[in-house]
Amino acid sequence: MKKLLAGLVAVVTLSVVILIAQAQRHVVTSHSVVINAPIKEVWDFLSDNRHAKGWSVIFDHIRPLESSPVAEGQIGALRRCFRNDNEEGFFWDERTLTTEPYKRRTLRTYNVSNTSWELFERFQFTAYQLYEDLGNGTTRLTFEGDLDDHTKYSVFEHFVFWVSQFEGERVFRLNLENIKAMIEQKDAFDRPHPWEPHSPFDA
């Protein structure tokens, strides 16, 4: 019995050590989808904030901030992602860091506000949109995200992000499937995944 108990303790201890070690690594959440449309069409679609209302399962809409120093789509552009139509409750802001037409767009997510979890509001993320021309009028679109490199995070905070990446991958998948349907179906768009009325981060 003592040997069994000691074995269980050893397994649990090893598991915790592995989880902590994983949490210290540079964790990237990622998901891709292949869209039956030319790369320019996919790029132009995601360059228009108005489409977000049709594809995001978390945010109701996205709009440029009046304080943005440059126009949407340019490096340094600022925008806000609103959870609700009335613009109350959970939101976060995004700044365009890089833009390479038909290749990639990089955004920094910051000012996470009005959530149910104070720890989550400390996080700042780097989000990537990656575009790959597959030929024959098809495009691979990839969403990636990780913690930004400008904020110092504790071991526990890295661990929390590592654990929560599975939720991030789920949201990426649903959003990308909505984007694929919107681009391919156009006016006949039948949304696969609705906006979700309940989120664990709602205050």
N, C-alpha and C. Protein backbone atom coordinates (compact mmCIF):
# COMPACT_ATOMS: atom_id res chain seq x y z
N MET A 1 0.83 -1.21 0.00
CA MET A 1 0.00 0.00 0.00
C MET A 1 0.87 1.26 0.00
N LYS A 2 1.93 1.21 0.85
CA LYS A 2 2.83 2.36 0.92
C LYS A 2 3.53 2.59 -0.41
N LYS A 3 3.92 1.46 -1.07
CA LYS A 3 4.58 1.59 -2.36
C LYS A 3 3.63 2.19 -3.40
N LEU A 4 2.37 1.77 -3.35
CA LEU A 4 1.37 2.30 -4.28
C LEU A 4 1.17 3.79 -4.07
N LEU A 5 1.06 4.18 -2.79
CA LEU A 5 0.88 5.59 -2.46
C LEU A 5 2.08 6.41 -2.90
N ALA A 6 3.28 5.86 -2.65
CA ALA A 6 4.50 6.56 -3.05
C ALA A 6 4.56 6.70 -4.57
N GLY A 7 4.10 5.66 -5.26
CA GLY A 7 4.08 5.71 -6.72
C GLY A 7 3.14 6.78 -7.24
N LEU A 8 1.96 6.87 -6.61
CA LEU A 8 0.99 7.88 -7.02
C LEU A 8 1.52 9.29 -6.78
N VAL A 9 2.17 9.48 -5.62
CA VAL A 9 2.76 10.78 -5.31
C VAL A 9 3.82 11.14 -6.34
N ALA A 10 4.62 10.15 -6.72
CA ALA A 10 5.68 10.39 -7.70
C ALA A 10 5.10 10.79 -9.05
N VAL A 11 4.02 10.10 -9.45
CA VAL A 11 3.37 10.41 -10.73
C VAL A 11 2.80 11.82 -10.72
N VAL A 12 2.11 12.16 -9.63
CA VAL A 12 1.52 13.49 -9.52
C VAL A 12 2.60 14.56 -9.53
N THR A 13 3.67 14.32 -8.77
CA THR A 13 4.78 15.29 -8.72
C THR A 13 5.40 15.48 -10.09
N LEU A 14 5.62 14.37 -10.80
CA LEU A 14 6.20 14.45 -12.14
C LEU A 14 5.28 15.20 -13.09
N SER A 15 3.98 14.95 -12.96
CA SER A 15 3.01 15.64 -13.82
C SER A 15 3.04 17.14 -13.59
N VAL A 16 3.12 17.55 -12.33
CA VAL A 16 3.17 18.97 -12.00
C VAL A 16 4.44 19.60 -12.56
N VAL A 17 5.55 18.90 -12.41
CA VAL A 17 6.83 19.41 -12.94
C VAL A 17 6.75 19.59 -14.45
N ILE A 18 6.17 18.60 -15.14
CA ILE A 18 6.04 18.69 -16.60
C ILE A 18 5.16 19.86 -16.99
N LEU A 19 4.04 20.05 -16.28
CA LEU A 19 3.14 21.15 -16.59
C LEU A 19 3.81 22.49 -16.39
N ILE A 20 4.56 22.63 -15.31
CA ILE A 20 5.26 23.90 -15.06
C ILE A 20 6.32 24.14 -16.13
N ALA A 21 7.03 23.07 -16.50
CA ALA A 21 8.05 23.21 -17.55
C ALA A 21 7.41 23.63 -18.87
N GLN A 22 6.27 23.03 -19.19
CA GLN A 22 5.57 23.40 -20.41
C GLN A 22 5.12 24.85 -20.36
N ALA A 23 4.67 25.28 -19.19
CA ALA A 23 4.17 26.65 -19.04
C ALA A 23 5.26 27.68 -19.25
N GLN A 24 6.52 27.29 -19.03
CA GLN A 24 7.62 28.22 -19.20
C GLN A 24 8.03 28.37 -20.67
N ARG A 25 7.58 27.47 -21.50
CA ARG A 25 7.93 27.54 -22.91
C ARG A 25 7.09 28.62 -23.60
N HIS A 26 7.56 29.03 -24.76
CA HIS A 26 6.83 30.04 -25.54
C HIS A 26 5.64 29.34 -26.19
N VAL A 27 4.47 29.48 -25.61
CA VAL A 27 3.29 28.76 -26.07
C VAL A 27 2.57 29.57 -27.14
N VAL A 28 2.28 28.93 -28.26
CA VAL A 28 1.55 29.57 -29.34
C VAL A 28 0.27 28.79 -29.60
N THR A 29 -0.86 29.48 -29.54
CA THR A 29 -2.14 28.90 -29.89
C THR A 29 -2.34 29.09 -31.39
N SER A 30 -2.74 28.04 -32.11
CA SER A 30 -2.79 28.13 -33.57
C SER A 30 -3.89 27.26 -34.15
N HIS A 31 -4.51 27.76 -35.22
CA HIS A 31 -5.47 26.95 -35.98
C HIS A 31 -5.55 27.50 -37.40
N SER A 32 -5.75 26.60 -38.37
CA SER A 32 -5.79 26.99 -39.78
C SER A 32 -7.05 26.46 -40.45
N VAL A 33 -7.38 27.10 -41.58
CA VAL A 33 -8.48 26.64 -42.41
C VAL A 33 -8.12 26.93 -43.87
N VAL A 34 -8.57 26.07 -44.77
CA VAL A 34 -8.35 26.29 -46.20
C VAL A 34 -9.64 26.87 -46.79
N ILE A 35 -9.51 28.01 -47.46
CA ILE A 35 -10.66 28.73 -48.01
C ILE A 35 -10.60 28.68 -49.53
N ASN A 36 -11.70 28.35 -50.15
CA ASN A 36 -11.78 28.30 -51.60
C ASN A 36 -12.00 29.70 -52.16
N ALA A 37 -10.95 30.50 -52.09
CA ALA A 37 -10.98 31.87 -52.59
C ALA A 37 -9.54 32.34 -52.76
N PRO A 38 -9.29 33.26 -53.70
CA PRO A 38 -7.93 33.78 -53.89
C PRO A 38 -7.45 34.53 -52.66
N ILE A 39 -6.15 34.59 -52.50
CA ILE A 39 -5.56 35.19 -51.30
C ILE A 39 -5.94 36.66 -51.16
N LYS A 40 -6.04 37.39 -52.27
CA LYS A 40 -6.42 38.81 -52.20
C LYS A 40 -7.82 38.97 -51.63
N GLU A 41 -8.74 38.10 -52.03
CA GLU A 41 -10.11 38.18 -51.52
C GLU A 41 -10.15 37.92 -50.01
N VAL A 42 -9.37 36.95 -49.56
CA VAL A 42 -9.33 36.64 -48.13
C VAL A 42 -8.72 37.80 -47.35
N TRP A 43 -7.62 38.35 -47.85
CA TRP A 43 -6.98 39.49 -47.19
C TRP A 43 -7.93 40.68 -47.11
N ASP A 44 -8.56 41.02 -48.22
CA ASP A 44 -9.45 42.18 -48.24
C ASP A 44 -10.64 41.97 -47.31
N PHE A 45 -11.13 40.75 -47.23
CA PHE A 45 -12.26 40.45 -46.34
C PHE A 45 -11.91 40.74 -44.89
N LEU A 46 -10.75 40.25 -44.44
CA LEU A 46 -10.36 40.45 -43.04
C LEU A 46 -9.86 41.87 -42.77
N SER A 47 -9.61 42.63 -43.81
CA SER A 47 -9.20 44.02 -43.63
C SER A 47 -10.38 44.93 -43.33
N ASP A 48 -11.59 44.41 -43.49
CA ASP A 48 -12.81 45.19 -43.27
C ASP A 48 -13.41 44.80 -41.91
N ASN A 49 -13.32 45.71 -40.94
CA ASN A 49 -13.83 45.44 -39.59
C ASN A 49 -15.30 45.07 -39.55
N ARG A 50 -16.06 45.56 -40.51
CA ARG A 50 -17.52 45.34 -40.48
C ARG A 50 -17.88 43.86 -40.58
N HIS A 51 -17.01 43.06 -41.15
CA HIS A 51 -17.31 41.64 -41.30
C HIS A 51 -17.24 40.88 -39.98
N ALA A 52 -16.58 41.45 -38.97
CA ALA A 52 -16.39 40.74 -37.70
C ALA A 52 -17.71 40.34 -37.06
N LYS A 53 -18.74 41.15 -37.27
CA LYS A 53 -20.05 40.83 -36.67
C LYS A 53 -20.58 39.50 -37.19
N GLY A 54 -20.16 39.11 -38.37
CA GLY A 54 -20.63 37.87 -38.96
C GLY A 54 -19.78 36.66 -38.63
N TRP A 55 -18.52 36.87 -38.20
CA TRP A 55 -17.68 35.69 -37.98
C TRP A 55 -17.21 35.48 -36.54
N SER A 56 -17.18 36.52 -35.71
CA SER A 56 -16.66 36.35 -34.35
C SER A 56 -17.72 35.73 -33.44
N VAL A 57 -17.32 34.69 -32.69
CA VAL A 57 -18.25 34.06 -31.76
C VAL A 57 -18.16 34.69 -30.37
N ILE A 58 -17.16 35.55 -30.15
CA ILE A 58 -16.97 36.20 -28.85
C ILE A 58 -17.37 37.67 -28.90
N PHE A 59 -16.93 38.38 -29.92
CA PHE A 59 -17.20 39.81 -30.01
C PHE A 59 -18.34 40.10 -30.97
N ASP A 60 -19.20 41.04 -30.55
CA ASP A 60 -20.32 41.43 -31.41
C ASP A 60 -19.84 42.25 -32.60
N HIS A 61 -18.90 43.15 -32.35
CA HIS A 61 -18.39 43.98 -33.44
C HIS A 61 -17.05 44.59 -33.08
N ILE A 62 -16.37 45.10 -34.09
CA ILE A 62 -15.08 45.77 -33.95
C ILE A 62 -15.18 47.12 -34.65
N ARG A 63 -14.65 48.16 -34.02
CA ARG A 63 -14.65 49.46 -34.69
C ARG A 63 -13.34 50.20 -34.39
N PRO A 64 -12.88 51.01 -35.35
CA PRO A 64 -11.66 51.80 -35.13
C PRO A 64 -11.87 52.79 -33.99
N LEU A 65 -10.82 53.05 -33.22
CA LEU A 65 -10.89 54.04 -32.16
C LEU A 65 -10.66 55.43 -32.73
N GLU A 66 -11.40 56.40 -32.20
CA GLU A 66 -11.23 57.78 -32.66
C GLU A 66 -9.82 58.29 -32.38
N SER A 67 -9.19 57.72 -31.37
CA SER A 67 -7.84 58.15 -30.99
C SER A 67 -6.75 57.53 -31.87
N SER A 68 -7.14 56.68 -32.82
CA SER A 68 -6.16 56.03 -33.68
C SER A 68 -5.38 57.07 -34.49
N PRO A 69 -4.05 57.00 -34.47
CA PRO A 69 -3.25 58.00 -35.19
C PRO A 69 -3.23 57.80 -36.69
N VAL A 70 -3.62 56.61 -37.15
CA VAL A 70 -3.61 56.31 -38.59
C VAL A 70 -4.88 55.55 -38.94
N ALA A 71 -5.13 55.42 -40.23
CA ALA A 71 -6.33 54.73 -40.70
C ALA A 71 -6.24 53.23 -40.44
N GLU A 72 -7.40 52.60 -40.34
CA GLU A 72 -7.46 51.16 -40.12
C GLU A 72 -6.67 50.43 -41.21
N GLY A 73 -5.92 49.41 -40.79
CA GLY A 73 -5.12 48.64 -41.72
C GLY A 73 -3.67 49.06 -41.79
N GLN A 74 -3.38 50.27 -41.32
CA GLN A 74 -2.00 50.74 -41.33
C GLN A 74 -1.31 50.39 -40.02
N ILE A 75 0.01 50.35 -40.05
CA ILE A 75 0.77 50.08 -38.83
C ILE A 75 0.51 51.19 -37.82
N GLY A 76 0.14 50.79 -36.60
CA GLY A 76 -0.19 51.76 -35.56
C GLY A 76 -1.67 52.01 -35.40
N ALA A 77 -2.49 51.45 -36.29
CA ALA A 77 -3.95 51.64 -36.20
C ALA A 77 -4.50 51.01 -34.92
N LEU A 78 -5.48 51.68 -34.31
CA LEU A 78 -6.10 51.21 -33.07
C LEU A 78 -7.56 50.88 -33.31
N ARG A 79 -8.02 49.80 -32.69
CA ARG A 79 -9.43 49.44 -32.80
C ARG A 79 -9.86 48.76 -31.50
N ARG A 80 -11.17 48.72 -31.29
CA ARG A 80 -11.72 48.11 -30.07
C ARG A 80 -12.68 46.99 -30.44
N CYS A 81 -12.55 45.86 -29.74
CA CYS A 81 -13.42 44.70 -29.95
C CYS A 81 -14.44 44.65 -28.81
N PHE A 82 -15.71 44.79 -29.15
CA PHE A 82 -16.79 44.86 -28.16
C PHE A 82 -17.51 43.51 -28.06
N ARG A 83 -17.67 43.05 -26.84
CA ARG A 83 -18.38 41.80 -26.59
C ARG A 83 -19.87 41.93 -26.92
N ASN A 84 -20.46 43.08 -26.62
CA ASN A 84 -21.90 43.25 -26.76
C ASN A 84 -22.26 44.37 -27.73
N ASP A 85 -23.45 44.26 -28.30
CA ASP A 85 -23.92 45.24 -29.27
C ASP A 85 -24.01 46.64 -28.67
N ASN A 86 -24.37 46.73 -27.38
CA ASN A 86 -24.50 48.04 -26.73
C ASN A 86 -23.16 48.59 -26.23
N GLU A 87 -22.09 47.87 -26.51
CA GLU A 87 -20.72 48.27 -26.17
C GLU A 87 -20.48 48.35 -24.66
N GLU A 88 -21.33 47.66 -23.89
CA GLU A 88 -21.11 47.54 -22.45
C GLU A 88 -20.46 46.18 -22.17
N GLY A 89 -19.84 46.07 -20.99
CA GLY A 89 -19.22 44.81 -20.62
C GLY A 89 -17.83 44.63 -21.20
N PHE A 90 -17.45 43.39 -21.39
CA PHE A 90 -16.11 42.98 -21.80
C PHE A 90 -15.71 43.60 -23.14
N PHE A 91 -14.49 44.15 -23.18
CA PHE A 91 -13.89 44.59 -24.44
C PHE A 91 -12.38 44.53 -24.32
N TRP A 92 -11.71 44.59 -25.47
CA TRP A 92 -10.26 44.81 -25.47
C TRP A 92 -9.88 45.64 -26.68
N ASP A 93 -8.68 46.19 -26.64
CA ASP A 93 -8.18 47.03 -27.73
C ASP A 93 -7.08 46.30 -28.48
N GLU A 94 -6.90 46.69 -29.74
CA GLU A 94 -5.87 46.09 -30.58
C GLU A 94 -5.12 47.17 -31.34
N ARG A 95 -3.82 46.97 -31.46
CA ARG A 95 -2.95 47.86 -32.24
C ARG A 95 -2.30 47.03 -33.35
N THR A 96 -2.33 47.55 -34.57
CA THR A 96 -1.67 46.87 -35.68
C THR A 96 -0.16 47.06 -35.56
N LEU A 97 0.58 45.96 -35.44
CA LEU A 97 2.03 46.02 -35.29
C LEU A 97 2.75 45.91 -36.62
N THR A 98 2.32 44.98 -37.46
CA THR A 98 2.93 44.80 -38.77
C THR A 98 1.85 44.47 -39.78
N THR A 99 2.10 44.78 -41.02
CA THR A 99 1.18 44.40 -42.08
C THR A 99 1.97 44.16 -43.36
N GLU A 100 1.87 42.94 -43.87
CA GLU A 100 2.48 42.56 -45.15
C GLU A 100 1.36 42.02 -46.02
N PRO A 101 0.81 42.85 -46.92
CA PRO A 101 -0.35 42.42 -47.71
C PRO A 101 -0.18 41.05 -48.35
N TYR A 102 -1.19 40.22 -48.15
CA TYR A 102 -1.28 38.88 -48.71
C TYR A 102 -0.28 37.90 -48.08
N LYS A 103 0.32 38.31 -46.95
CA LYS A 103 1.24 37.43 -46.24
C LYS A 103 0.90 37.32 -44.75
N ARG A 104 0.91 38.45 -44.05
CA ARG A 104 0.64 38.40 -42.61
C ARG A 104 0.21 39.76 -42.09
N ARG A 105 -0.52 39.69 -40.98
CA ARG A 105 -0.88 40.88 -40.21
C ARG A 105 -0.68 40.53 -38.75
N THR A 106 -0.04 41.42 -37.99
CA THR A 106 0.22 41.17 -36.58
C THR A 106 -0.44 42.25 -35.74
N LEU A 107 -1.13 41.84 -34.69
CA LEU A 107 -1.85 42.76 -33.81
C LEU A 107 -1.43 42.53 -32.37
N ARG A 108 -1.44 43.59 -31.59
CA ARG A 108 -1.22 43.47 -30.15
C ARG A 108 -2.53 43.74 -29.44
N THR A 109 -2.95 42.79 -28.62
CA THR A 109 -4.17 42.92 -27.83
C THR A 109 -3.81 43.42 -26.44
N TYR A 110 -4.48 44.49 -26.00
CA TYR A 110 -4.17 45.08 -24.69
C TYR A 110 -5.44 45.72 -24.12
N ASN A 111 -5.33 46.28 -22.92
CA ASN A 111 -6.47 46.95 -22.28
C ASN A 111 -7.68 46.03 -22.18
N VAL A 112 -7.44 44.78 -21.79
CA VAL A 112 -8.54 43.84 -21.57
C VAL A 112 -9.34 44.33 -20.36
N SER A 113 -10.64 44.57 -20.53
CA SER A 113 -11.42 45.27 -19.50
C SER A 113 -12.78 44.64 -19.27
N ASN A 114 -13.29 44.86 -18.05
CA ASN A 114 -14.66 44.49 -17.66
C ASN A 114 -14.92 42.98 -17.79
N THR A 115 -13.96 42.18 -17.31
CA THR A 115 -14.15 40.74 -17.33
C THR A 115 -14.45 40.24 -15.92
N SER A 116 -14.71 38.95 -15.82
CA SER A 116 -15.00 38.34 -14.52
C SER A 116 -13.73 37.91 -13.80
N TRP A 117 -12.58 38.10 -14.45
CA TRP A 117 -11.34 37.54 -13.91
C TRP A 117 -10.23 38.58 -14.02
N GLU A 118 -9.79 39.10 -12.88
CA GLU A 118 -8.78 40.16 -12.86
C GLU A 118 -7.46 39.69 -13.48
N LEU A 119 -7.10 38.43 -13.27
CA LEU A 119 -5.86 37.91 -13.83
C LEU A 119 -5.87 38.01 -15.35
N PHE A 120 -6.98 37.68 -15.97
CA PHE A 120 -7.08 37.74 -17.44
C PHE A 120 -6.85 39.15 -17.95
N GLU A 121 -7.27 40.15 -17.18
CA GLU A 121 -7.12 41.54 -17.61
C GLU A 121 -5.67 41.99 -17.61
N ARG A 122 -4.81 41.25 -16.94
CA ARG A 122 -3.38 41.58 -16.95
C ARG A 122 -2.70 41.10 -18.23
N PHE A 123 -3.28 40.10 -18.87
CA PHE A 123 -2.66 39.54 -20.06
C PHE A 123 -2.69 40.52 -21.23
N GLN A 124 -1.62 40.52 -22.01
CA GLN A 124 -1.58 41.18 -23.30
C GLN A 124 -1.09 40.14 -24.30
N PHE A 125 -1.70 40.14 -25.48
CA PHE A 125 -1.42 39.08 -26.44
C PHE A 125 -0.88 39.65 -27.75
N THR A 126 -0.14 38.83 -28.46
CA THR A 126 0.21 39.12 -29.84
C THR A 126 -0.58 38.15 -30.72
N ALA A 127 -1.35 38.70 -31.65
CA ALA A 127 -2.18 37.89 -32.54
C ALA A 127 -1.65 37.98 -33.96
N TYR A 128 -1.65 36.85 -34.64
CA TYR A 128 -1.11 36.77 -36.00
C TYR A 128 -2.18 36.26 -36.95
N GLN A 129 -2.29 36.90 -38.11
CA GLN A 129 -3.08 36.39 -39.23
C GLN A 129 -2.08 36.04 -40.33
N LEU A 130 -2.01 34.77 -40.70
CA LEU A 130 -1.05 34.30 -41.69
C LEU A 130 -1.79 33.81 -42.94
N TYR A 131 -1.33 34.25 -44.10
CA TYR A 131 -1.99 33.95 -45.37
C TYR A 131 -1.03 33.18 -46.28
N GLU A 132 -1.51 32.07 -46.84
CA GLU A 132 -0.68 31.26 -47.73
C GLU A 132 -1.46 30.92 -48.99
N ASP A 133 -0.91 31.30 -50.14
CA ASP A 133 -1.52 31.01 -51.43
C ASP A 133 -1.24 29.55 -51.79
N LEU A 134 -2.28 28.74 -51.86
CA LEU A 134 -2.13 27.32 -52.16
C LEU A 134 -2.29 27.02 -53.64
N GLY A 135 -2.56 28.06 -54.45
CA GLY A 135 -2.78 27.86 -55.87
C GLY A 135 -4.21 27.45 -56.15
N ASN A 136 -4.59 27.49 -57.42
CA ASN A 136 -5.93 27.09 -57.85
C ASN A 136 -7.02 27.86 -57.11
N GLY A 137 -6.73 29.12 -56.77
CA GLY A 137 -7.74 29.95 -56.14
C GLY A 137 -8.08 29.56 -54.72
N THR A 138 -7.15 28.93 -54.01
CA THR A 138 -7.39 28.56 -52.61
C THR A 138 -6.33 29.20 -51.71
N THR A 139 -6.71 29.42 -50.46
CA THR A 139 -5.85 30.12 -49.50
C THR A 139 -5.91 29.42 -48.15
N ARG A 140 -4.74 29.25 -47.53
CA ARG A 140 -4.73 28.78 -46.14
C ARG A 140 -4.62 30.01 -45.23
N LEU A 141 -5.60 30.15 -44.34
CA LEU A 141 -5.61 31.24 -43.36
C LEU A 141 -5.36 30.65 -41.98
N THR A 142 -4.38 31.21 -41.28
CA THR A 142 -4.02 30.72 -39.95
C THR A 142 -4.13 31.85 -38.94
N PHE A 143 -4.76 31.57 -37.82
CA PHE A 143 -4.77 32.47 -36.67
C PHE A 143 -3.81 31.90 -35.62
N GLU A 144 -2.93 32.74 -35.10
CA GLU A 144 -2.05 32.34 -34.01
C GLU A 144 -2.08 33.41 -32.92
N GLY A 145 -1.76 32.99 -31.69
CA GLY A 145 -1.72 33.94 -30.59
C GLY A 145 -0.79 33.47 -29.49
N ASP A 146 -0.11 34.41 -28.85
CA ASP A 146 0.70 34.09 -27.68
C ASP A 146 0.78 35.32 -26.78
N LEU A 147 1.37 35.14 -25.61
CA LEU A 147 1.56 36.27 -24.71
C LEU A 147 2.58 37.23 -25.31
N ASP A 148 2.35 38.52 -25.13
CA ASP A 148 3.27 39.51 -25.70
C ASP A 148 4.64 39.43 -25.02
N ASP A 149 5.64 40.00 -25.67
CA ASP A 149 7.01 39.94 -25.17
C ASP A 149 7.38 41.15 -24.32
N HIS A 150 6.42 42.04 -24.06
CA HIS A 150 6.74 43.29 -23.37
C HIS A 150 6.33 43.28 -21.90
N THR A 151 5.57 42.27 -21.50
CA THR A 151 5.08 42.18 -20.13
C THR A 151 5.76 41.01 -19.42
N LYS A 152 6.18 41.22 -18.18
CA LYS A 152 6.80 40.15 -17.41
C LYS A 152 5.71 39.36 -16.69
N TYR A 153 5.64 38.06 -16.97
CA TYR A 153 4.62 37.21 -16.38
C TYR A 153 5.25 36.23 -15.39
N SER A 154 4.48 35.91 -14.35
CA SER A 154 4.94 34.95 -13.36
C SER A 154 4.80 33.53 -13.89
N VAL A 155 5.38 32.57 -13.17
CA VAL A 155 5.24 31.16 -13.53
C VAL A 155 3.77 30.77 -13.55
N PHE A 156 3.03 31.23 -12.55
CA PHE A 156 1.61 30.91 -12.48
C PHE A 156 0.85 31.47 -13.67
N GLU A 157 1.15 32.70 -14.06
CA GLU A 157 0.46 33.32 -15.19
C GLU A 157 0.77 32.58 -16.50
N HIS A 158 2.02 32.17 -16.68
CA HIS A 158 2.36 31.35 -17.85
C HIS A 158 1.59 30.04 -17.83
N PHE A 159 1.48 29.46 -16.65
CA PHE A 159 0.76 28.19 -16.52
C PHE A 159 -0.71 28.37 -16.88
N VAL A 160 -1.33 29.44 -16.39
CA VAL A 160 -2.74 29.71 -16.69
C VAL A 160 -2.94 29.87 -18.19
N PHE A 161 -2.04 30.60 -18.85
CA PHE A 161 -2.16 30.78 -20.29
C PHE A 161 -2.01 29.45 -21.02
N TRP A 162 -1.06 28.63 -20.55
CA TRP A 162 -0.86 27.32 -21.19
C TRP A 162 -2.12 26.47 -21.07
N VAL A 163 -2.73 26.47 -19.90
CA VAL A 163 -3.94 25.68 -19.69
C VAL A 163 -5.09 26.21 -20.56
N SER A 164 -5.20 27.53 -20.67
CA SER A 164 -6.34 28.14 -21.37
C SER A 164 -6.18 28.17 -22.88
N GLN A 165 -5.04 27.71 -23.41
CA GLN A 165 -4.84 27.77 -24.86
C GLN A 165 -5.84 26.88 -25.59
N PHE A 166 -6.38 25.87 -24.91
CA PHE A 166 -7.34 25.00 -25.56
C PHE A 166 -8.64 25.75 -25.87
N GLU A 167 -9.02 26.67 -24.98
CA GLU A 167 -10.17 27.53 -25.26
C GLU A 167 -9.84 28.47 -26.41
N GLY A 168 -8.62 28.97 -26.44
CA GLY A 168 -8.21 29.84 -27.54
C GLY A 168 -8.28 29.13 -28.88
N GLU A 169 -7.82 27.89 -28.92
CA GLU A 169 -7.88 27.11 -30.15
C GLU A 169 -9.32 26.86 -30.58
N ARG A 170 -10.20 26.64 -29.61
CA ARG A 170 -11.61 26.42 -29.94
C ARG A 170 -12.20 27.66 -30.60
N VAL A 171 -11.93 28.83 -30.02
CA VAL A 171 -12.45 30.08 -30.58
C VAL A 171 -11.86 30.34 -31.96
N PHE A 172 -10.55 30.12 -32.11
CA PHE A 172 -9.92 30.27 -33.43
C PHE A 172 -10.63 29.39 -34.46
N ARG A 173 -10.88 28.14 -34.10
CA ARG A 173 -11.50 27.20 -35.04
C ARG A 173 -12.89 27.67 -35.46
N LEU A 174 -13.70 28.07 -34.49
CA LEU A 174 -15.06 28.51 -34.82
C LEU A 174 -15.03 29.78 -35.66
N ASN A 175 -14.19 30.73 -35.30
CA ASN A 175 -14.10 31.97 -36.06
C ASN A 175 -13.65 31.70 -37.50
N LEU A 176 -12.64 30.85 -37.65
CA LEU A 176 -12.13 30.55 -38.99
C LEU A 176 -13.16 29.82 -39.84
N GLU A 177 -13.92 28.93 -39.24
CA GLU A 177 -14.97 28.24 -40.00
C GLU A 177 -16.06 29.22 -40.42
N ASN A 178 -16.37 30.20 -39.57
CA ASN A 178 -17.32 31.24 -39.96
C ASN A 178 -16.78 32.09 -41.11
N ILE A 179 -15.50 32.46 -41.03
CA ILE A 179 -14.87 33.25 -42.08
C ILE A 179 -14.89 32.50 -43.40
N LYS A 180 -14.54 31.23 -43.37
CA LYS A 180 -14.55 30.40 -44.57
C LYS A 180 -15.95 30.40 -45.21
N ALA A 181 -16.97 30.21 -44.38
CA ALA A 181 -18.34 30.17 -44.90
C ALA A 181 -18.76 31.52 -45.47
N MET A 182 -18.41 32.62 -44.79
CA MET A 182 -18.78 33.95 -45.27
C MET A 182 -18.16 34.24 -46.63
N ILE A 183 -16.89 33.90 -46.79
CA ILE A 183 -16.19 34.19 -48.04
C ILE A 183 -16.69 33.29 -49.17
N GLU A 184 -16.86 32.02 -48.89
CA GLU A 184 -17.25 31.08 -49.95
C GLU A 184 -18.71 31.20 -50.33
N GLN A 185 -19.59 31.44 -49.35
CA GLN A 185 -21.02 31.45 -49.62
C GLN A 185 -21.56 32.82 -50.01
N LYS A 186 -20.85 33.86 -49.63
CA LYS A 186 -21.23 35.24 -49.96
C LYS A 186 -22.68 35.52 -49.54
N ASP A 187 -23.53 35.93 -50.47
CA ASP A 187 -24.90 36.33 -50.12
C ASP A 187 -25.73 35.17 -49.57
N ALA A 188 -25.32 33.94 -49.86
CA ALA A 188 -26.05 32.77 -49.37
C ALA A 188 -25.48 32.27 -48.04
N PHE A 189 -24.74 33.13 -47.36
CA PHE A 189 -24.04 32.76 -46.12
C PHE A 189 -24.98 32.18 -45.08
N ASP A 190 -24.66 30.97 -44.64
CA ASP A 190 -25.38 30.29 -43.56
C ASP A 190 -24.38 30.08 -42.44
N ARG A 191 -24.45 30.92 -41.42
CA ARG A 191 -23.42 30.95 -40.38
C ARG A 191 -23.34 29.63 -39.62
N PRO A 192 -22.17 28.96 -39.62
CA PRO A 192 -22.04 27.68 -38.91
C PRO A 192 -22.09 27.82 -37.39
N HIS A 193 -21.47 28.90 -36.87
CA HIS A 193 -21.34 29.05 -35.42
C HIS A 193 -21.83 30.44 -35.00
N PRO A 194 -22.88 30.50 -34.19
CA PRO A 194 -23.43 31.79 -33.78
C PRO A 194 -22.55 32.50 -32.74
N TRP A 195 -22.80 33.77 -32.59
CA TRP A 195 -22.21 34.52 -31.47
C TRP A 195 -22.66 33.85 -30.18
N GLU A 196 -21.74 33.66 -29.25
CA GLU A 196 -22.05 32.94 -28.02
C GLU A 196 -22.51 33.91 -26.93
N PRO A 197 -23.74 33.76 -26.45
CA PRO A 197 -24.29 34.71 -25.47
C PRO A 197 -23.66 34.60 -24.09
N HIS A 198 -22.94 33.52 -23.83
CA HIS A 198 -22.32 33.34 -22.52
C HIS A 198 -20.83 33.05 -22.70
N SER A 199 -20.01 33.77 -21.94
CA SER A 199 -18.57 33.58 -21.95
C SER A 199 -18.07 33.49 -20.52
N PRO A 200 -17.08 32.64 -20.24
CA PRO A 200 -16.54 32.56 -18.88
C PRO A 200 -15.91 33.86 -18.41
N PHE A 201 -15.66 34.79 -19.34
CA PHE A 201 -15.02 36.05 -18.97
C PHE A 201 -16.01 37.20 -18.82
N ASP A 202 -17.30 36.94 -19.03
CA ASP A 202 -18.31 37.98 -18.82
C ASP A 202 -18.36 38.36 -17.35
N ALA A 203 -18.36 39.66 -17.08
CA ALA A 203 -18.41 40.13 -15.68
C ALA A 203 -19.78 39.89 -15.09
